[in-house]
């Protein structure tokens, strides 16, 4: 139940990205049942290809807790992280990742399935239909 509630918050962040013309991916970080970061893609806004929702979330969460390791935290993200984000999540020692829709073209599972920290737990498919629908709608409008 908590996973779904937190993923709905990440979906709300994805909607914010969508409204800005950003690829609609949202992320939140939870630590001890407290949301410590709420982020969404900002690649267009910041003109920065690395400004993915997960990267923004890692930075905000680390700043919030005053340390670089997020081993007691859970990242909720609407779409499977790419290899870049998964690598950064590995370096952060994130305790758990929960994602919605799989990304079969650019997801980390395709290119770098072993990049996460060995202790990181992953749960896939939470609210996947909502996340996939938002992504499809975004790209359909742009093509």
N, C-alpha and C. Protein backbone atom coordinates (compact mmCIF):
# COMPACT_ATOMS: atom_id res chain seq x y z
N UNK A 1 0.82 -1.20 0.00
CA UNK A 1 0.00 0.00 0.00
C UNK A 1 0.86 1.27 0.00
N UNK A 2 1.92 1.26 0.81
CA UNK A 2 2.79 2.44 0.85
C UNK A 2 3.46 2.68 -0.50
N UNK A 3 3.88 1.59 -1.17
CA UNK A 3 4.52 1.76 -2.47
C UNK A 3 3.61 2.49 -3.44
N UNK A 4 2.35 2.11 -3.46
CA UNK A 4 1.40 2.76 -4.38
C UNK A 4 1.22 4.22 -4.01
N UNK A 5 1.08 4.52 -2.75
CA UNK A 5 0.89 5.91 -2.31
C UNK A 5 2.10 6.77 -2.68
N UNK A 6 3.28 6.26 -2.44
CA UNK A 6 4.48 7.02 -2.79
C UNK A 6 4.65 7.14 -4.30
N UNK A 7 4.30 6.10 -5.04
CA UNK A 7 4.41 6.17 -6.49
C UNK A 7 3.43 7.21 -7.04
N UNK A 8 2.28 7.35 -6.42
CA UNK A 8 1.33 8.39 -6.86
C UNK A 8 1.96 9.77 -6.70
N UNK A 9 2.77 9.95 -5.66
CA UNK A 9 3.49 11.23 -5.49
C UNK A 9 4.50 11.42 -6.62
N UNK A 10 5.18 10.35 -6.98
CA UNK A 10 6.14 10.43 -8.09
C UNK A 10 5.40 10.74 -9.40
N UNK A 11 4.23 10.15 -9.57
CA UNK A 11 3.42 10.43 -10.76
C UNK A 11 2.99 11.90 -10.80
N UNK A 12 2.70 12.48 -9.64
CA UNK A 12 2.37 13.91 -9.59
C UNK A 12 3.56 14.75 -10.05
N UNK A 13 4.77 14.33 -9.70
CA UNK A 13 5.97 15.01 -10.19
C UNK A 13 6.10 14.84 -11.71
N UNK A 14 5.78 13.67 -12.21
CA UNK A 14 5.83 13.43 -13.66
C UNK A 14 4.85 14.34 -14.38
N UNK A 15 3.69 14.57 -13.78
CA UNK A 15 2.71 15.49 -14.37
C UNK A 15 3.26 16.90 -14.43
N UNK A 16 4.02 17.30 -13.43
CA UNK A 16 4.65 18.63 -13.44
C UNK A 16 5.63 18.73 -14.60
N UNK A 17 6.40 17.67 -14.81
CA UNK A 17 7.34 17.65 -15.93
C UNK A 17 6.59 17.77 -17.25
N UNK A 18 5.53 17.00 -17.37
CA UNK A 18 4.70 17.01 -18.58
C UNK A 18 4.20 18.43 -18.87
N UNK A 19 3.72 19.10 -17.85
CA UNK A 19 3.19 20.46 -18.01
C UNK A 19 4.26 21.44 -18.48
N UNK A 20 5.53 21.16 -18.19
CA UNK A 20 6.64 22.02 -18.60
C UNK A 20 7.22 21.62 -19.95
N UNK A 21 6.68 20.56 -20.55
CA UNK A 21 7.23 20.09 -21.81
C UNK A 21 8.43 19.19 -21.64
N UNK A 22 8.65 18.73 -20.42
CA UNK A 22 9.74 17.80 -20.12
C UNK A 22 9.22 16.37 -20.29
N UNK A 23 10.12 15.43 -20.56
CA UNK A 23 9.71 14.03 -20.57
C UNK A 23 9.15 13.73 -19.19
N UNK A 24 7.93 13.19 -19.13
CA UNK A 24 7.21 13.07 -17.85
C UNK A 24 7.67 11.92 -16.96
N UNK A 25 8.78 12.16 -16.31
CA UNK A 25 9.28 11.20 -15.31
C UNK A 25 9.42 11.95 -14.00
N UNK A 26 8.88 11.35 -12.96
CA UNK A 26 8.94 11.94 -11.64
C UNK A 26 9.59 10.99 -10.66
N UNK A 27 10.16 11.55 -9.61
CA UNK A 27 10.84 10.73 -8.60
C UNK A 27 10.68 11.37 -7.23
N UNK A 28 10.58 10.52 -6.23
CA UNK A 28 10.64 10.98 -4.84
C UNK A 28 11.58 10.04 -4.09
N UNK A 29 12.14 10.56 -3.02
CA UNK A 29 12.97 9.74 -2.14
C UNK A 29 12.33 9.77 -0.76
N UNK A 30 12.20 8.58 -0.18
CA UNK A 30 11.59 8.43 1.14
C UNK A 30 12.63 7.83 2.08
N UNK A 31 12.71 8.41 3.27
CA UNK A 31 13.61 7.90 4.30
C UNK A 31 12.84 7.91 5.63
N UNK A 32 12.76 6.77 6.27
CA UNK A 32 12.03 6.64 7.54
C UNK A 32 10.60 7.18 7.42
N UNK A 33 9.91 6.78 6.38
CA UNK A 33 8.52 7.18 6.11
C UNK A 33 8.33 8.69 5.94
N UNK A 34 9.40 9.39 5.57
CA UNK A 34 9.32 10.82 5.31
C UNK A 34 9.85 11.09 3.91
N UNK A 35 9.10 11.86 3.13
CA UNK A 35 9.56 12.25 1.80
C UNK A 35 10.64 13.31 1.98
N UNK A 36 11.84 13.02 1.48
CA UNK A 36 12.95 13.97 1.63
C UNK A 36 13.36 14.61 0.31
N UNK A 37 12.76 14.16 -0.80
CA UNK A 37 13.05 14.78 -2.10
C UNK A 37 11.88 14.52 -3.04
N UNK A 38 11.51 15.54 -3.80
CA UNK A 38 10.47 15.46 -4.84
C UNK A 38 11.06 16.12 -6.08
N UNK A 39 11.14 15.36 -7.17
CA UNK A 39 11.81 15.89 -8.36
C UNK A 39 11.17 15.35 -9.63
N UNK A 40 11.48 16.01 -10.73
CA UNK A 40 11.07 15.53 -12.05
C UNK A 40 12.14 15.93 -13.06
N UNK A 41 12.00 15.39 -14.25
CA UNK A 41 12.98 15.70 -15.30
C UNK A 41 13.07 17.21 -15.50
N UNK A 42 14.29 17.68 -15.68
CA UNK A 42 14.54 19.09 -15.95
C UNK A 42 15.55 19.28 -17.08
N UNK A 43 15.65 18.31 -17.96
CA UNK A 43 16.67 18.38 -19.01
C UNK A 43 16.46 19.56 -19.96
N UNK A 44 15.22 19.85 -20.29
CA UNK A 44 14.93 20.99 -21.18
C UNK A 44 15.07 22.31 -20.43
N UNK A 45 14.52 22.36 -19.23
CA UNK A 45 14.56 23.58 -18.42
C UNK A 45 15.98 24.02 -18.14
N UNK A 46 16.84 23.06 -17.77
CA UNK A 46 18.22 23.37 -17.42
C UNK A 46 19.19 23.24 -18.59
N UNK A 47 18.66 22.78 -19.74
CA UNK A 47 19.51 22.54 -20.92
C UNK A 47 20.69 21.64 -20.53
N UNK A 48 20.34 20.54 -19.84
CA UNK A 48 21.34 19.65 -19.26
C UNK A 48 20.86 18.21 -19.44
N UNK A 49 21.56 17.44 -20.25
CA UNK A 49 21.15 16.06 -20.53
C UNK A 49 21.22 15.16 -19.30
N UNK A 50 21.92 15.60 -18.26
CA UNK A 50 22.02 14.78 -17.05
C UNK A 50 20.95 15.12 -16.01
N UNK A 51 20.08 16.06 -16.29
CA UNK A 51 19.09 16.52 -15.31
C UNK A 51 17.85 15.63 -15.26
N UNK A 52 18.08 14.33 -15.22
CA UNK A 52 16.99 13.36 -15.09
C UNK A 52 16.39 13.45 -13.69
N UNK A 53 15.16 13.00 -13.55
CA UNK A 53 14.46 13.04 -12.27
C UNK A 53 15.26 12.35 -11.17
N UNK A 54 15.84 11.19 -11.49
CA UNK A 54 16.60 10.44 -10.49
C UNK A 54 17.84 11.20 -10.03
N UNK A 55 18.52 11.84 -10.97
CA UNK A 55 19.73 12.59 -10.63
C UNK A 55 19.37 13.77 -9.73
N UNK A 56 18.27 14.44 -10.04
CA UNK A 56 17.80 15.54 -9.21
C UNK A 56 17.45 15.03 -7.81
N UNK A 57 16.81 13.86 -7.77
CA UNK A 57 16.38 13.28 -6.50
C UNK A 57 17.57 12.87 -5.63
N UNK A 58 18.60 12.28 -6.25
CA UNK A 58 19.79 11.90 -5.49
C UNK A 58 20.41 13.14 -4.84
N UNK A 59 20.57 14.19 -5.62
CA UNK A 59 21.18 15.41 -5.11
C UNK A 59 20.36 16.02 -3.98
N UNK A 60 19.05 16.12 -4.19
CA UNK A 60 18.18 16.72 -3.16
C UNK A 60 18.14 15.88 -1.88
N UNK A 61 18.09 14.57 -2.03
CA UNK A 61 18.04 13.70 -0.86
C UNK A 61 19.35 13.76 -0.08
N UNK A 62 20.48 13.72 -0.78
CA UNK A 62 21.77 13.78 -0.11
C UNK A 62 21.93 15.10 0.65
N UNK A 63 21.48 16.18 0.03
CA UNK A 63 21.53 17.48 0.69
C UNK A 63 20.64 17.47 1.93
N UNK A 64 19.46 16.87 1.81
CA UNK A 64 18.51 16.83 2.92
C UNK A 64 19.08 16.08 4.12
N UNK A 65 19.72 14.94 3.87
CA UNK A 65 20.22 14.15 4.99
C UNK A 65 21.65 14.52 5.39
N UNK A 66 22.30 15.34 4.58
CA UNK A 66 23.65 15.77 4.91
C UNK A 66 24.71 14.71 4.69
N UNK A 67 24.49 13.84 3.73
CA UNK A 67 25.46 12.81 3.42
C UNK A 67 25.20 12.22 2.05
N UNK A 68 26.21 11.60 1.47
CA UNK A 68 26.07 11.10 0.10
C UNK A 68 25.47 9.71 -0.01
N UNK A 69 25.43 8.97 1.07
CA UNK A 69 24.91 7.60 1.00
C UNK A 69 23.44 7.54 1.40
N UNK A 70 22.65 6.92 0.53
CA UNK A 70 21.20 6.84 0.70
C UNK A 70 20.76 5.41 1.01
N UNK A 71 21.58 4.69 1.75
CA UNK A 71 21.30 3.27 2.01
C UNK A 71 20.05 3.03 2.85
N UNK A 72 19.58 4.03 3.55
CA UNK A 72 18.36 3.89 4.35
C UNK A 72 17.14 4.45 3.60
N UNK A 73 17.31 4.79 2.35
CA UNK A 73 16.27 5.47 1.57
C UNK A 73 15.71 4.59 0.46
N UNK A 74 14.51 4.97 0.01
CA UNK A 74 13.88 4.34 -1.14
C UNK A 74 13.59 5.40 -2.18
N UNK A 75 13.98 5.13 -3.41
CA UNK A 75 13.65 5.98 -4.55
C UNK A 75 12.42 5.41 -5.23
N UNK A 76 11.43 6.25 -5.44
CA UNK A 76 10.26 5.90 -6.24
C UNK A 76 10.36 6.71 -7.52
N UNK A 77 10.38 6.03 -8.65
CA UNK A 77 10.51 6.71 -9.94
C UNK A 77 9.53 6.08 -10.91
N UNK A 78 8.92 6.90 -11.74
CA UNK A 78 7.82 6.45 -12.59
C UNK A 78 8.27 5.54 -13.72
N UNK A 79 9.52 5.66 -14.15
CA UNK A 79 10.03 4.83 -15.25
C UNK A 79 11.38 4.25 -14.82
N UNK A 80 11.66 3.05 -15.27
CA UNK A 80 12.93 2.38 -14.98
C UNK A 80 14.10 3.32 -15.26
N UNK A 81 15.03 3.43 -14.33
CA UNK A 81 16.18 4.31 -14.55
C UNK A 81 17.02 3.88 -15.75
N UNK A 82 17.63 4.88 -16.39
CA UNK A 82 18.58 4.61 -17.47
C UNK A 82 19.91 4.17 -16.85
N UNK A 83 20.86 3.73 -17.66
CA UNK A 83 22.16 3.32 -17.11
C UNK A 83 22.89 4.43 -16.35
N UNK A 84 22.80 5.67 -16.82
CA UNK A 84 23.46 6.78 -16.12
C UNK A 84 22.88 6.93 -14.72
N UNK A 85 21.56 6.96 -14.63
CA UNK A 85 20.92 7.14 -13.33
C UNK A 85 21.14 5.94 -12.43
N UNK A 86 21.08 4.75 -13.00
CA UNK A 86 21.32 3.54 -12.21
C UNK A 86 22.74 3.54 -11.67
N UNK A 87 23.69 4.00 -12.45
CA UNK A 87 25.07 4.09 -11.98
C UNK A 87 25.19 5.05 -10.80
N UNK A 88 24.56 6.21 -10.92
CA UNK A 88 24.58 7.18 -9.82
C UNK A 88 23.87 6.61 -8.59
N UNK A 89 22.78 5.89 -8.81
CA UNK A 89 22.07 5.26 -7.69
C UNK A 89 22.96 4.20 -7.03
N UNK A 90 23.73 3.49 -7.84
CA UNK A 90 24.68 2.52 -7.29
C UNK A 90 25.71 3.20 -6.40
N UNK A 91 26.26 4.32 -6.87
CA UNK A 91 27.25 5.05 -6.07
C UNK A 91 26.64 5.62 -4.80
N UNK A 92 25.35 5.92 -4.83
CA UNK A 92 24.68 6.47 -3.64
C UNK A 92 24.34 5.38 -2.61
N UNK A 93 24.49 4.13 -3.02
CA UNK A 93 24.15 2.98 -2.17
C UNK A 93 22.67 2.99 -1.79
N UNK A 94 21.82 3.49 -2.69
CA UNK A 94 20.38 3.55 -2.40
C UNK A 94 19.91 2.20 -1.89
N UNK A 95 19.08 2.22 -0.86
CA UNK A 95 18.63 0.98 -0.25
C UNK A 95 17.63 0.22 -1.08
N UNK A 96 16.76 0.99 -1.75
CA UNK A 96 15.69 0.35 -2.52
C UNK A 96 15.26 1.28 -3.65
N UNK A 97 14.90 0.68 -4.77
CA UNK A 97 14.34 1.40 -5.90
C UNK A 97 13.00 0.77 -6.24
N UNK A 98 12.00 1.61 -6.38
CA UNK A 98 10.68 1.16 -6.83
C UNK A 98 10.38 1.94 -8.09
N UNK A 99 10.13 1.23 -9.20
CA UNK A 99 9.79 1.96 -10.42
C UNK A 99 8.50 1.44 -11.02
N UNK A 100 7.92 2.29 -11.85
CA UNK A 100 6.65 1.97 -12.49
C UNK A 100 6.86 1.23 -13.79
N UNK A 101 6.89 1.96 -14.89
CA UNK A 101 7.00 1.36 -16.23
C UNK A 101 8.44 0.96 -16.54
N UNK A 102 8.59 -0.16 -17.19
CA UNK A 102 9.90 -0.58 -17.68
C UNK A 102 10.26 0.25 -18.90
N UNK A 103 11.54 0.43 -19.13
CA UNK A 103 12.02 1.13 -20.32
C UNK A 103 12.85 0.13 -21.12
N UNK A 104 12.19 -0.53 -22.05
CA UNK A 104 12.85 -1.60 -22.79
C UNK A 104 13.87 -1.10 -23.81
N UNK A 105 13.81 0.20 -24.15
CA UNK A 105 14.77 0.75 -25.10
C UNK A 105 16.02 1.30 -24.41
N UNK A 106 15.85 1.97 -23.27
CA UNK A 106 16.98 2.66 -22.65
C UNK A 106 17.13 2.37 -21.16
N UNK A 107 16.43 1.39 -20.63
CA UNK A 107 16.51 1.08 -19.21
C UNK A 107 17.81 0.40 -18.83
N UNK A 108 18.17 0.53 -17.57
CA UNK A 108 19.43 -0.06 -17.10
C UNK A 108 19.44 -1.58 -17.21
N UNK A 109 18.28 -2.22 -17.10
CA UNK A 109 18.25 -3.69 -17.18
C UNK A 109 18.75 -4.21 -18.52
N UNK A 110 18.59 -3.42 -19.57
CA UNK A 110 19.05 -3.84 -20.89
C UNK A 110 20.57 -3.68 -21.03
N UNK A 111 21.09 -2.55 -20.55
CA UNK A 111 22.49 -2.22 -20.79
C UNK A 111 23.43 -2.47 -19.62
N UNK A 112 22.94 -2.34 -18.42
CA UNK A 112 23.83 -2.44 -17.26
C UNK A 112 23.09 -3.06 -16.07
N UNK A 113 22.65 -4.30 -16.20
CA UNK A 113 21.84 -4.90 -15.13
C UNK A 113 22.55 -5.08 -13.80
N UNK A 114 23.87 -5.01 -13.79
CA UNK A 114 24.63 -5.20 -12.55
C UNK A 114 25.19 -3.90 -11.97
N UNK A 115 24.72 -2.76 -12.45
CA UNK A 115 25.31 -1.48 -12.05
C UNK A 115 24.90 -1.02 -10.65
N UNK A 116 23.78 -1.47 -10.15
CA UNK A 116 23.32 -1.06 -8.82
C UNK A 116 24.20 -1.65 -7.73
N UNK A 117 24.15 -1.04 -6.57
CA UNK A 117 24.87 -1.58 -5.40
C UNK A 117 24.31 -2.97 -5.10
N UNK A 118 25.13 -3.92 -4.73
CA UNK A 118 24.66 -5.30 -4.50
C UNK A 118 23.55 -5.43 -3.45
N UNK A 119 23.48 -4.50 -2.52
CA UNK A 119 22.45 -4.58 -1.47
C UNK A 119 21.15 -3.88 -1.85
N UNK A 120 21.13 -3.16 -2.96
CA UNK A 120 19.93 -2.45 -3.37
C UNK A 120 18.84 -3.44 -3.78
N UNK A 121 17.66 -3.23 -3.22
CA UNK A 121 16.49 -4.04 -3.58
C UNK A 121 15.69 -3.27 -4.63
N UNK A 122 15.12 -3.99 -5.59
CA UNK A 122 14.35 -3.36 -6.67
C UNK A 122 12.97 -3.98 -6.75
N UNK A 123 11.96 -3.11 -6.84
CA UNK A 123 10.59 -3.52 -7.07
C UNK A 123 10.12 -2.82 -8.34
N UNK A 124 9.66 -3.58 -9.32
CA UNK A 124 9.23 -3.01 -10.61
C UNK A 124 7.73 -3.16 -10.78
N UNK A 125 7.15 -2.27 -11.58
CA UNK A 125 5.76 -2.42 -11.99
C UNK A 125 4.72 -1.74 -11.12
N UNK A 126 5.13 -0.92 -10.16
CA UNK A 126 4.15 -0.23 -9.31
C UNK A 126 3.55 0.94 -10.09
N UNK A 127 2.26 0.92 -10.27
CA UNK A 127 1.53 1.94 -11.06
C UNK A 127 2.08 2.04 -12.48
N UNK A 128 2.48 0.91 -13.04
CA UNK A 128 3.13 0.92 -14.35
C UNK A 128 2.21 1.42 -15.46
N UNK A 129 0.92 1.09 -15.38
CA UNK A 129 0.00 1.54 -16.44
C UNK A 129 -0.10 3.05 -16.49
N UNK A 130 -0.22 3.69 -15.33
CA UNK A 130 -0.32 5.15 -15.28
C UNK A 130 0.94 5.80 -15.84
N UNK A 131 2.10 5.28 -15.45
CA UNK A 131 3.36 5.84 -15.92
C UNK A 131 3.53 5.64 -17.42
N UNK A 132 3.22 4.45 -17.90
CA UNK A 132 3.36 4.16 -19.34
C UNK A 132 2.39 5.01 -20.16
N UNK A 133 1.18 5.17 -19.67
CA UNK A 133 0.18 5.97 -20.38
C UNK A 133 0.63 7.42 -20.52
N UNK A 134 1.18 7.98 -19.45
CA UNK A 134 1.65 9.36 -19.50
C UNK A 134 2.80 9.51 -20.49
N UNK A 135 3.72 8.57 -20.50
CA UNK A 135 4.85 8.61 -21.45
C UNK A 135 4.35 8.51 -22.89
N UNK A 136 3.45 7.57 -23.14
CA UNK A 136 2.92 7.40 -24.50
C UNK A 136 2.19 8.65 -24.97
N UNK A 137 1.41 9.24 -24.09
CA UNK A 137 0.68 10.47 -24.43
C UNK A 137 1.67 11.59 -24.78
N UNK A 138 2.70 11.74 -23.98
CA UNK A 138 3.71 12.78 -24.21
C UNK A 138 4.35 12.62 -25.59
N UNK A 139 4.82 11.42 -25.90
CA UNK A 139 5.52 11.21 -27.17
C UNK A 139 4.58 11.24 -28.36
N UNK A 140 3.35 10.81 -28.19
CA UNK A 140 2.38 10.88 -29.28
C UNK A 140 2.12 12.32 -29.66
N UNK A 141 2.04 13.21 -28.68
CA UNK A 141 1.80 14.63 -28.94
C UNK A 141 2.98 15.29 -29.63
N UNK A 142 4.17 14.78 -29.44
CA UNK A 142 5.37 15.40 -29.97
C UNK A 142 5.77 14.87 -31.33
N UNK A 143 5.17 13.78 -31.74
CA UNK A 143 5.56 13.19 -33.03
C UNK A 143 4.54 13.44 -34.10
